[in-house]
Amino acid sequence: MVQSVVQVPVEKTEEVIGLYRNRSRSVDKQPGFLSFQLLQNEVKPGELIVHMTWTNKESYLSWVTSDDFKRIHELEKKYPDQELANIKPIVRRYTVRAD
């Protein structure tokens, strides 16, 4: 599973949530992709977490090296609001050890 933590100015949080609600969904079609969730911290509303679950690490790595991934992230850099376009997520990868 992969989590990307994004710190957003609180006044722009709803705008960013809207972007994720209207995302391209190309990742959903990738081999090994299981689920996507956007989480919002209840105490710090400007902290958003993109949570994705994959069948295995190789599937995730295949996605992040794909042309689709590169194209989507290049579009993000061209977003009109440069404050949002320049946000750098903190990416964390986890392995399920028990469930």
PDB file of N, CA and C in Angstrom:
ATOM      1  N   MET A   1       0.847  -1.167   0.000  1.00  0.00           N
ATOM      2  CA  MET A   1       0.000   0.000   0.000  1.00  0.00           C
ATOM      3  C   MET A   1       0.891   1.227   0.000  1.00  0.00           C
ATOM      4  N   VAL A   2       0.388   2.282  -0.600  1.00  0.00           N
ATOM      5  CA  VAL A   2       1.157   3.512  -0.746  1.00  0.00           C
ATOM      6  C   VAL A   2       0.327   4.678  -0.240  1.00  0.00           C
ATOM      7  N   GLN A   3       0.961   5.560   0.525  1.00  0.00           N
ATOM      8  CA  GLN A   3       0.302   6.782   0.967  1.00  0.00           C
ATOM      9  C   GLN A   3       1.158   7.971   0.587  1.00  0.00           C
ATOM     10  N   SER A   4       0.505   8.962   0.011  1.00  0.00           N
ATOM     11  CA  SER A   4       1.168  10.230  -0.279  1.00  0.00           C
ATOM     12  C   SER A   4       0.516  11.287   0.600  1.00  0.00           C
ATOM     13  N   VAL A   5       1.302  11.908   1.458  1.00  0.00           N
ATOM     14  CA  VAL A   5       0.800  12.947   2.349  1.00  0.00           C
ATOM     15  C   VAL A   5       1.022  14.291   1.678  1.00  0.00           C
ATOM     16  N   VAL A   6      -0.062  15.063   1.583  1.00  0.00           N
ATOM     17  CA  VAL A   6      -0.017  16.357   0.912  1.00  0.00           C
ATOM     18  C   VAL A   6      -0.487  17.426   1.893  1.00  0.00           C
ATOM     19  N   GLN A   7       0.338  18.438   2.098  1.00  0.00           N
ATOM     20  CA  GLN A   7      -0.032  19.575   2.944  1.00  0.00           C
ATOM     21  C   GLN A   7      -0.554  20.690   2.029  1.00  0.00           C
ATOM     22  N   VAL A   8      -1.810  21.064   2.222  1.00  0.00           N
ATOM     23  CA  VAL A   8      -2.482  22.047   1.370  1.00  0.00           C
ATOM     24  C   VAL A   8      -2.896  23.238   2.237  1.00  0.00           C
ATOM     25  N   PRO A   9      -2.781  24.461   1.718  1.00  0.00           N
ATOM     26  CA  PRO A   9      -3.330  25.589   2.484  1.00  0.00           C
ATOM     27  C   PRO A   9      -4.816  25.328   2.778  1.00  0.00           C
ATOM     28  N   VAL A  10      -5.222  25.518   4.023  1.00  0.00           N
ATOM     29  CA  VAL A  10      -6.577  25.160   4.446  1.00  0.00           C
ATOM     30  C   VAL A  10      -7.635  25.788   3.536  1.00  0.00           C
ATOM     31  N   GLU A  11      -7.409  27.011   3.108  1.00  0.00           N
ATOM     32  CA  GLU A  11      -8.409  27.694   2.278  1.00  0.00           C
ATOM     33  C   GLU A  11      -8.520  27.093   0.873  1.00  0.00           C
ATOM     34  N   LYS A  12      -7.576  26.245   0.494  1.00  0.00           N
ATOM     35  CA  LYS A  12      -7.599  25.616  -0.836  1.00  0.00           C
ATOM     36  C   LYS A  12      -7.901  24.116  -0.772  1.00  0.00           C
ATOM     37  N   THR A  13      -8.208  23.640   0.413  1.00  0.00           N
ATOM     38  CA  THR A  13      -8.429  22.207   0.603  1.00  0.00           C
ATOM     39  C   THR A  13      -9.593  21.696  -0.243  1.00  0.00           C
ATOM     40  N   GLU A  14     -10.709  22.389  -0.252  1.00  0.00           N
ATOM     41  CA  GLU A  14     -11.873  21.926  -1.022  1.00  0.00           C
ATOM     42  C   GLU A  14     -11.567  21.898  -2.520  1.00  0.00           C
ATOM     43  N   GLU A  15     -10.778  22.833  -2.993  1.00  0.00           N
ATOM     44  CA  GLU A  15     -10.376  22.842  -4.405  1.00  0.00           C
ATOM     45  C   GLU A  15      -9.577  21.575  -4.740  1.00  0.00           C
ATOM     46  N   VAL A  16      -8.644  21.233  -3.873  1.00  0.00           N
ATOM     47  CA  VAL A  16      -7.820  20.043  -4.104  1.00  0.00           C
ATOM     48  C   VAL A  16      -8.670  18.776  -4.005  1.00  0.00           C
ATOM     49  N   ILE A  17      -9.569  18.723  -3.045  1.00  0.00           N
ATOM     50  CA  ILE A  17     -10.467  17.568  -2.932  1.00  0.00           C
ATOM     51  C   ILE A  17     -11.277  17.420  -4.219  1.00  0.00           C
ATOM     52  N   GLY A  18     -11.737  18.532  -4.778  1.00  0.00           N
ATOM     53  CA  GLY A  18     -12.469  18.498  -6.042  1.00  0.00           C
ATOM     54  C   GLY A  18     -11.631  17.946  -7.184  1.00  0.00           C
ATOM     55  N   LEU A  19     -10.352  18.295  -7.209  1.00  0.00           N
ATOM     56  CA  LEU A  19      -9.459  17.756  -8.243  1.00  0.00           C
ATOM     57  C   LEU A  19      -9.356  16.235  -8.137  1.00  0.00           C
ATOM     58  N   TYR A  20      -9.237  15.733  -6.928  1.00  0.00           N
ATOM     59  CA  TYR A  20      -9.148  14.286  -6.741  1.00  0.00           C
ATOM     60  C   TYR A  20     -10.474  13.595  -7.056  1.00  0.00           C
ATOM     61  N   ARG A  21     -11.589  14.243  -6.732  1.00  0.00           N
ATOM     62  CA  ARG A  21     -12.889  13.647  -7.064  1.00  0.00           C
ATOM     63  C   ARG A  21     -13.064  13.519  -8.579  1.00  0.00           C
ATOM     64  N   ASN A  22     -12.449  14.427  -9.310  1.00  0.00           N
ATOM     65  CA  ASN A  22     -12.568  14.431 -10.772  1.00  0.00           C
ATOM     66  C   ASN A  22     -11.307  13.911 -11.449  1.00  0.00           C
ATOM     67  N   ARG A  23     -10.523  13.110 -10.758  1.00  0.00           N
ATOM     68  CA  ARG A  23      -9.260  12.598 -11.290  1.00  0.00           C
ATOM     69  C   ARG A  23      -9.496  11.755 -12.545  1.00  0.00           C
ATOM     70  N   SER A  24      -8.466  11.553 -13.318  1.00  0.00           N
ATOM     71  CA  SER A  24      -8.579  10.851 -14.601  1.00  0.00           C
ATOM     72  C   SER A  24      -8.944   9.374 -14.449  1.00  0.00           C
ATOM     73  N   ARG A  25      -8.608   8.776 -13.334  1.00  0.00           N
ATOM     74  CA  ARG A  25      -8.863   7.358 -13.049  1.00  0.00           C
ATOM     75  C   ARG A  25      -8.060   6.404 -13.928  1.00  0.00           C
ATOM     76  N   SER A  26      -7.030   6.906 -14.603  1.00  0.00           N
ATOM     77  CA  SER A  26      -6.204   5.999 -15.413  1.00  0.00           C
ATOM     78  C   SER A  26      -5.471   4.987 -14.540  1.00  0.00           C
ATOM     79  N   VAL A  27      -5.152   5.357 -13.307  1.00  0.00           N
ATOM     80  CA  VAL A  27      -4.487   4.417 -12.403  1.00  0.00           C
ATOM     81  C   VAL A  27      -5.394   3.217 -12.112  1.00  0.00           C
ATOM     82  N   ASP A  28      -6.699   3.446 -12.107  1.00  0.00           N
ATOM     83  CA  ASP A  28      -7.647   2.376 -11.790  1.00  0.00           C
ATOM     84  C   ASP A  28      -7.552   1.207 -12.772  1.00  0.00           C
ATOM     85  N   LYS A  29      -7.055   1.478 -13.973  1.00  0.00           N
ATOM     86  CA  LYS A  29      -6.977   0.461 -15.021  1.00  0.00           C
ATOM     87  C   LYS A  29      -5.628  -0.265 -15.028  1.00  0.00           C
ATOM     88  N   GLN A  30      -4.733   0.131 -14.153  1.00  0.00           N
ATOM     89  CA  GLN A  30      -3.395  -0.460 -14.138  1.00  0.00           C
ATOM     90  C   GLN A  30      -3.409  -1.860 -13.540  1.00  0.00           C
ATOM     91  N   PRO A  31      -2.641  -2.782 -14.115  1.00  0.00           N
ATOM     92  CA  PRO A  31      -2.544  -4.136 -13.552  1.00  0.00           C
ATOM     93  C   PRO A  31      -2.054  -4.068 -12.100  1.00  0.00           C
ATOM     94  N   GLY A  32      -2.756  -4.766 -11.235  1.00  0.00           N
ATOM     95  CA  GLY A  32      -2.360  -4.813  -9.832  1.00  0.00           C
ATOM     96  C   GLY A  32      -2.979  -3.739  -8.960  1.00  0.00           C
ATOM     97  N   PHE A  33      -3.651  -2.751  -9.548  1.00  0.00           N
ATOM     98  CA  PHE A  33      -4.287  -1.697  -8.760  1.00  0.00           C
ATOM     99  C   PHE A  33      -5.539  -2.249  -8.092  1.00  0.00           C
ATOM    100  N   LEU A  34      -5.705  -1.971  -6.789  1.00  0.00           N
ATOM    101  CA  LEU A  34      -6.876  -2.448  -6.064  1.00  0.00           C
ATOM    102  C   LEU A  34      -7.821  -1.331  -5.627  1.00  0.00           C
ATOM    103  N   SER A  35      -7.261  -0.234  -5.061  1.00  0.00           N
ATOM    104  CA  SER A  35      -8.169   0.806  -4.565  1.00  0.00           C
ATOM    105  C   SER A  35      -7.459   2.144  -4.395  1.00  0.00           C
ATOM    106  N   PHE A  36      -8.282   3.192  -4.373  1.00  0.00           N
ATOM    107  CA  PHE A  36      -7.837   4.568  -4.178  1.00  0.00           C
ATOM    108  C   PHE A  36      -8.765   5.211  -3.159  1.00  0.00           C
ATOM    109  N   GLN A  37      -8.187   5.943  -2.225  1.00  0.00           N
ATOM    110  CA  GLN A  37      -8.970   6.750  -1.290  1.00  0.00           C
ATOM    111  C   GLN A  37      -8.228   8.052  -1.037  1.00  0.00           C
ATOM    112  N   LEU A  38      -8.990   9.128  -0.904  1.00  0.00           N
ATOM    113  CA  LEU A  38      -8.421  10.395  -0.462  1.00  0.00           C
ATOM    114  C   LEU A  38      -8.920  10.617   0.957  1.00  0.00           C
ATOM    115  N   LEU A  39      -7.989  10.726   1.890  1.00  0.00           N
ATOM    116  CA  LEU A  39      -8.315  10.906   3.299  1.00  0.00           C
ATOM    117  C   LEU A  39      -7.981  12.330   3.721  1.00  0.00           C
ATOM    118  N   GLN A  40      -8.774  12.867   4.641  1.00  0.00           N
ATOM    119  CA  GLN A  40      -8.503  14.201   5.190  1.00  0.00           C
ATOM    120  C   GLN A  40      -8.329  14.073   6.696  1.00  0.00           C
ATOM    121  N   ASN A  41      -7.263  14.648   7.205  1.00  0.00           N
ATOM    122  CA  ASN A  41      -6.991  14.636   8.638  1.00  0.00           C
ATOM    123  C   ASN A  41      -8.083  15.443   9.345  1.00  0.00           C
ATOM    124  N   GLU A  42      -8.726  14.841  10.339  1.00  0.00           N
ATOM    125  CA  GLU A  42      -9.810  15.519  11.051  1.00  0.00           C
ATOM    126  C   GLU A  42      -9.322  16.646  11.943  1.00  0.00           C
ATOM    127  N   VAL A  43      -8.088  16.579  12.391  1.00  0.00           N
ATOM    128  CA  VAL A  43      -7.531  17.610  13.276  1.00  0.00           C
ATOM    129  C   VAL A  43      -6.824  18.694  12.471  1.00  0.00           C
ATOM    130  N   LYS A  44      -6.142  18.308  11.394  1.00  0.00           N
ATOM    131  CA  LYS A  44      -5.426  19.239  10.517  1.00  0.00           C
ATOM    132  C   LYS A  44      -6.043  19.136   9.121  1.00  0.00           C
ATOM    133  N   PRO A  45      -7.110  19.890   8.834  1.00  0.00           N
ATOM    134  CA  PRO A  45      -7.847  19.715   7.577  1.00  0.00           C
ATOM    135  C   PRO A  45      -7.036  19.983   6.313  1.00  0.00           C
ATOM    136  N   GLY A  46      -5.899  20.644   6.422  1.00  0.00           N
ATOM    137  CA  GLY A  46      -5.055  20.876   5.261  1.00  0.00           C
ATOM    138  C   GLY A  46      -4.175  19.692   4.907  1.00  0.00           C
ATOM    139  N   GLU A  47      -4.213  18.655   5.724  1.00  0.00           N
ATOM    140  CA  GLU A  47      -3.420  17.446   5.459  1.00  0.00           C
ATOM    141  C   GLU A  47      -4.310  16.410   4.773  1.00  0.00           C
ATOM    142  N   LEU A  48      -3.958  16.105   3.535  1.00  0.00           N
ATOM    143  CA  LEU A  48      -4.674  15.104   2.754  1.00  0.00           C
ATOM    144  C   LEU A  48      -3.744  13.927   2.507  1.00  0.00           C
ATOM    145  N   ILE A  49      -4.313  12.740   2.488  1.00  0.00           N
ATOM    146  CA  ILE A  49      -3.526  11.540   2.229  1.00  0.00           C
ATOM    147  C   ILE A  49      -4.156  10.795   1.063  1.00  0.00           C
ATOM    148  N   VAL A  50      -3.360  10.569   0.041  1.00  0.00           N
ATOM    149  CA  VAL A  50      -3.771   9.727  -1.070  1.00  0.00           C
ATOM    150  C   VAL A  50      -3.358   8.312  -0.694  1.00  0.00           C
ATOM    151  N   HIS A  51      -4.328   7.444  -0.551  1.00  0.00           N
ATOM    152  CA  HIS A  51      -4.083   6.066  -0.113  1.00  0.00           C
ATOM    153  C   HIS A  51      -4.429   5.132  -1.266  1.00  0.00           C
ATOM    154  N   MET A  52      -3.433   4.389  -1.746  1.00  0.00           N
ATOM    155  CA  MET A  52      -3.661   3.434  -2.827  1.00  0.00           C
ATOM    156  C   MET A  52      -3.201   2.055  -2.381  1.00  0.00           C
ATOM    157  N   THR A  53      -3.970   1.049  -2.777  1.00  0.00           N
ATOM    158  CA  THR A  53      -3.626  -0.327  -2.467  1.00  0.00           C
ATOM    159  C   THR A  53      -3.353  -1.065  -3.772  1.00  0.00           C
ATOM    160  N   TRP A  54      -2.261  -1.814  -3.764  1.00  0.00           N
ATOM    161  CA  TRP A  54      -1.810  -2.578  -4.944  1.00  0.00           C
ATOM    162  C   TRP A  54      -1.653  -4.037  -4.544  1.00  0.00           C
ATOM    163  N   THR A  55      -1.715  -4.921  -5.524  1.00  0.00           N
ATOM    164  CA  THR A  55      -1.530  -6.342  -5.233  1.00  0.00           C
ATOM    165  C   THR A  55      -0.096  -6.640  -4.826  1.00  0.00           C
ATOM    166  N   ASN A  56       0.845  -5.856  -5.372  1.00  0.00           N
ATOM    167  CA  ASN A  56       2.255  -6.068  -5.036  1.00  0.00           C
ATOM    168  C   ASN A  56       3.080  -4.829  -5.393  1.00  0.00           C
ATOM    169  N   LYS A  57       4.278  -4.805  -4.892  1.00  0.00           N
ATOM    170  CA  LYS A  57       5.185  -3.676  -5.101  1.00  0.00           C
ATOM    171  C   LYS A  57       5.510  -3.485  -6.582  1.00  0.00           C
ATOM    172  N   GLU A  58       5.680  -4.579  -7.296  1.00  0.00           N
ATOM    173  CA  GLU A  58       6.040  -4.500  -8.723  1.00  0.00           C
ATOM    174  C   GLU A  58       4.962  -3.779  -9.529  1.00  0.00           C
ATOM    175  N   SER A  59       3.692  -4.010  -9.199  1.00  0.00           N
ATOM    176  CA  SER A  59       2.597  -3.329  -9.905  1.00  0.00           C
ATOM    177  C   SER A  59       2.663  -1.818  -9.673  1.00  0.00           C
ATOM    178  N   TYR A  60       2.905  -1.433  -8.428  1.00  0.00           N
ATOM    179  CA  TYR A  60       3.035  -0.008  -8.110  1.00  0.00           C
ATOM    180  C   TYR A  60       4.222   0.601  -8.854  1.00  0.00           C
ATOM    181  N   LEU A  61       5.367  -0.065  -8.829  1.00  0.00           N
ATOM    182  CA  LEU A  61       6.554   0.469  -9.500  1.00  0.00           C
ATOM    183  C   LEU A  61       6.342   0.559 -11.004  1.00  0.00           C
ATOM    184  N   SER A  62       5.603  -0.369 -11.558  1.00  0.00           N
ATOM    185  CA  SER A  62       5.276  -0.312 -12.983  1.00  0.00           C
ATOM    186  C   SER A  62       4.434   0.929 -13.280  1.00  0.00           C
ATOM    187  N   TRP A  63       3.493   1.240 -12.391  1.00  0.00           N
ATOM    188  CA  TRP A  63       2.656   2.433 -12.555  1.00  0.00           C
ATOM    189  C   TRP A  63       3.498   3.714 -12.508  1.00  0.00           C
ATOM    190  N   VAL A  64       4.358   3.853 -11.514  1.00  0.00           N
ATOM    191  CA  VAL A  64       5.102   5.113 -11.359  1.00  0.00           C
ATOM    192  C   VAL A  64       6.159   5.311 -12.437  1.00  0.00           C
ATOM    193  N   THR A  65       6.451   4.285 -13.198  1.00  0.00           N
ATOM    194  CA  THR A  65       7.392   4.449 -14.307  1.00  0.00           C
ATOM    195  C   THR A  65       6.677   4.471 -15.663  1.00  0.00           C
ATOM    196  N   SER A  66       5.341   4.450 -15.620  1.00  0.00           N
ATOM    197  CA  SER A  66       4.560   4.410 -16.861  1.00  0.00           C
ATOM    198  C   SER A  66       4.431   5.798 -17.500  1.00  0.00           C
ATOM    199  N   ASP A  67       4.136   5.807 -18.788  1.00  0.00           N
ATOM    200  CA  ASP A  67       3.905   7.065 -19.508  1.00  0.00           C
ATOM    201  C   ASP A  67       2.680   7.792 -18.965  1.00  0.00           C
ATOM    202  N   ASP A  68       1.627   7.050 -18.588  1.00  0.00           N
ATOM    203  CA  ASP A  68       0.425   7.672 -18.015  1.00  0.00           C
ATOM    204  C   ASP A  68       0.755   8.437 -16.736  1.00  0.00           C
ATOM    205  N   PHE A  69       1.531   7.821 -15.866  1.00  0.00           N
ATOM    206  CA  PHE A  69       1.920   8.473 -14.612  1.00  0.00           C
ATOM    207  C   PHE A  69       2.678   9.766 -14.902  1.00  0.00           C
ATOM    208  N   LYS A  70       3.649   9.690 -15.802  1.00  0.00           N
ATOM    209  CA  LYS A  70       4.445  10.871 -16.151  1.00  0.00           C
ATOM    210  C   LYS A  70       3.576  11.970 -16.749  1.00  0.00           C
ATOM    211  N   ARG A  71       2.647  11.593 -17.626  1.00  0.00           N
ATOM    212  CA  ARG A  71       1.763  12.574 -18.276  1.00  0.00           C
ATOM    213  C   ARG A  71       0.890  13.280 -17.233  1.00  0.00           C
ATOM    214  N   ILE A  72       0.296  12.515 -16.331  1.00  0.00           N
ATOM    215  CA  ILE A  72      -0.571  13.096 -15.302  1.00  0.00           C
ATOM    216  C   ILE A  72       0.202  14.048 -14.401  1.00  0.00           C
ATOM    217  N   HIS A  73       1.401  13.660 -14.008  1.00  0.00           N
ATOM    218  CA  HIS A  73       2.168  14.505 -13.109  1.00  0.00           C
ATOM    219  C   HIS A  73       2.759  15.724 -13.816  1.00  0.00           C
ATOM    220  N   GLU A  74       2.965  15.649 -15.103  1.00  0.00           N
ATOM    221  CA  GLU A  74       3.369  16.838 -15.868  1.00  0.00           C
ATOM    222  C   GLU A  74       2.214  17.830 -15.931  1.00  0.00           C
ATOM    223  N   LEU A  75       0.990  17.327 -16.090  1.00  0.00           N
ATOM    224  CA  LEU A  75      -0.189  18.205 -16.091  1.00  0.00           C
ATOM    225  C   LEU A  75      -0.340  18.920 -14.756  1.00  0.00           C
ATOM    226  N   GLU A  76      -0.060  18.207 -13.663  1.00  0.00           N
ATOM    227  CA  GLU A  76      -0.155  18.824 -12.337  1.00  0.00           C
ATOM    228  C   GLU A  76       0.780  20.020 -12.216  1.00  0.00           C
ATOM    229  N   LYS A  77       1.963  19.918 -12.798  1.00  0.00           N
ATOM    230  CA  LYS A  77       2.932  21.016 -12.733  1.00  0.00           C
ATOM    231  C   LYS A  77       2.447  22.251 -13.485  1.00  0.00           C
ATOM    232  N   LYS A  78       1.520  22.059 -14.425  1.00  0.00           N
ATOM    233  CA  LYS A  78       0.998  23.172 -15.227  1.00  0.00           C
ATOM    234  C   LYS A  78      -0.309  23.726 -14.668  1.00  0.00           C
ATOM    235  N   TYR A  79      -0.716  23.275 -13.493  1.00  0.00           N
ATOM    236  CA  TYR A  79      -1.958  23.756 -12.884  1.00  0.00           C
ATOM    237  C   TYR A  79      -1.857  25.267 -12.693  1.00  0.00           C
ATOM    238  N   PRO A  80      -2.928  26.003 -13.010  1.00  0.00           N
ATOM    239  CA  PRO A  80      -2.859  27.482 -12.950  1.00  0.00           C
ATOM    240  C   PRO A  80      -2.454  28.042 -11.582  1.00  0.00           C
ATOM    241  N   ASP A  81      -2.877  27.427 -10.504  1.00  0.00           N
ATOM    242  CA  ASP A  81      -2.512  27.898  -9.165  1.00  0.00           C
ATOM    243  C   ASP A  81      -1.140  27.319  -8.836  1.00  0.00           C
ATOM    244  N   GLN A  82      -0.109  28.116  -8.991  1.00  0.00           N
ATOM    245  CA  GLN A  82       1.254  27.626  -8.806  1.00  0.00           C
ATOM    246  C   GLN A  82       1.562  27.215  -7.375  1.00  0.00           C
ATOM    247  N   GLU A  83       0.865  27.789  -6.411  1.00  0.00           N
ATOM    248  CA  GLU A  83       1.066  27.355  -5.021  1.00  0.00           C
ATOM    249  C   GLU A  83       0.671  25.876  -4.885  1.00  0.00           C
ATOM    250  N   LEU A  84      -0.438  25.495  -5.505  1.00  0.00           N
ATOM    251  CA  LEU A  84      -0.865  24.093  -5.472  1.00  0.00           C
ATOM    252  C   LEU A  84       0.007  23.232  -6.369  1.00  0.00           C
ATOM    253  N   ALA A  85       0.384  23.747  -7.520  1.00  0.00           N
ATOM    254  CA  ALA A  85       1.202  22.975  -8.468  1.00  0.00           C
ATOM    255  C   ALA A  85       2.567  22.618  -7.883  1.00  0.00           C
ATOM    256  N   ASN A  86       3.052  23.437  -6.965  1.00  0.00           N
ATOM    257  CA  ASN A  86       4.392  23.215  -6.406  1.00  0.00           C
ATOM    258  C   ASN A  86       4.406  22.383  -5.124  1.00  0.00           C
ATOM    259  N   ILE A  87       3.257  21.903  -4.699  1.00  0.00           N
ATOM    260  CA  ILE A  87       3.212  21.072  -3.493  1.00  0.00           C
ATOM    261  C   ILE A  87       3.881  19.730  -3.776  1.00  0.00           C
ATOM    262  N   LYS A  88       4.769  19.335  -2.919  1.00  0.00           N
ATOM    263  CA  LYS A  88       5.481  18.064  -3.052  1.00  0.00           C
ATOM    264  C   LYS A  88       4.957  17.088  -2.003  1.00  0.00           C
ATOM    265  N   PRO A  89       4.360  15.992  -2.431  1.00  0.00           N
ATOM    266  CA  PRO A  89       3.853  15.017  -1.462  1.00  0.00           C
ATOM    267  C   PRO A  89       4.988  14.218  -0.816  1.00  0.00           C
ATOM    268  N   ILE A  90       4.711  13.732   0.359  1.00  0.00           N
ATOM    269  CA  ILE A  90       5.616  12.800   1.039  1.00  0.00           C
ATOM    270  C   ILE A  90       5.047  11.408   0.778  1.00  0.00           C
ATOM    271  N   VAL A  91       5.783  10.579   0.072  1.00  0.00           N
ATOM    272  CA  VAL A  91       5.305   9.247  -0.307  1.00  0.00           C
ATOM    273  C   VAL A  91       5.851   8.209   0.665  1.00  0.00           C
ATOM    274  N   ARG A  92       4.926   7.381   1.163  1.00  0.00           N
ATOM    275  CA  ARG A  92       5.310   6.305   2.075  1.00  0.00           C
ATOM    276  C   ARG A  92       4.746   4.994   1.535  1.00  0.00           C
ATOM    277  N   ARG A  93       5.588   3.969   1.527  1.00  0.00           N
ATOM    278  CA  ARG A  93       5.151   2.647   1.066  1.00  0.00           C
ATOM    279  C   ARG A  93       5.131   1.699   2.265  1.00  0.00           C
ATOM    280  N   TYR A  94       4.096   0.865   2.297  1.00  0.00           N
ATOM    281  CA  TYR A  94       3.923  -0.073   3.416  1.00  0.00           C
ATOM    282  C   TYR A  94       3.685  -1.479   2.878  1.00  0.00           C
ATOM    283  N   THR A  95       4.066  -2.445   3.671  1.00  0.00           N
ATOM    284  CA  THR A  95       3.792  -3.853   3.396  1.00  0.00           C
ATOM    285  C   THR A  95       2.863  -4.373   4.476  1.00  0.00           C
ATOM    286  N   VAL A  96       1.792  -5.043   4.086  1.00  0.00           N
ATOM    287  CA  VAL A  96       0.873  -5.633   5.053  1.00  0.00           C
ATOM    288  C   VAL A  96       1.554  -6.843   5.683  1.00  0.00           C
ATOM    289  N   ARG A  97       1.609  -6.866   6.992  1.00  0.00           N
ATOM    290  CA  ARG A  97       2.268  -7.951   7.721  1.00  0.00           C
ATOM    291  C   ARG A  97       1.259  -8.841   8.450  1.00  0.00           C
ATOM    292  N   ALA A  98       0.069  -8.308   8.678  1.00  0.00           N
ATOM    293  CA  ALA A  98      -0.982  -9.102   9.323  1.00  0.00           C
ATOM    294  C   ALA A  98      -2.318  -8.435   9.008  1.00  0.00           C
ATOM    295  N   ASP A  99      -3.341  -9.253   8.885  1.00  0.00           N
ATOM    296  CA  ASP A  99      -4.704  -8.707   8.734  1.00  0.00           C
ATOM    297  C   ASP A  99      -5.716  -9.676   9.277  1.00  0.00           C
TER     298      ASP A  99
END
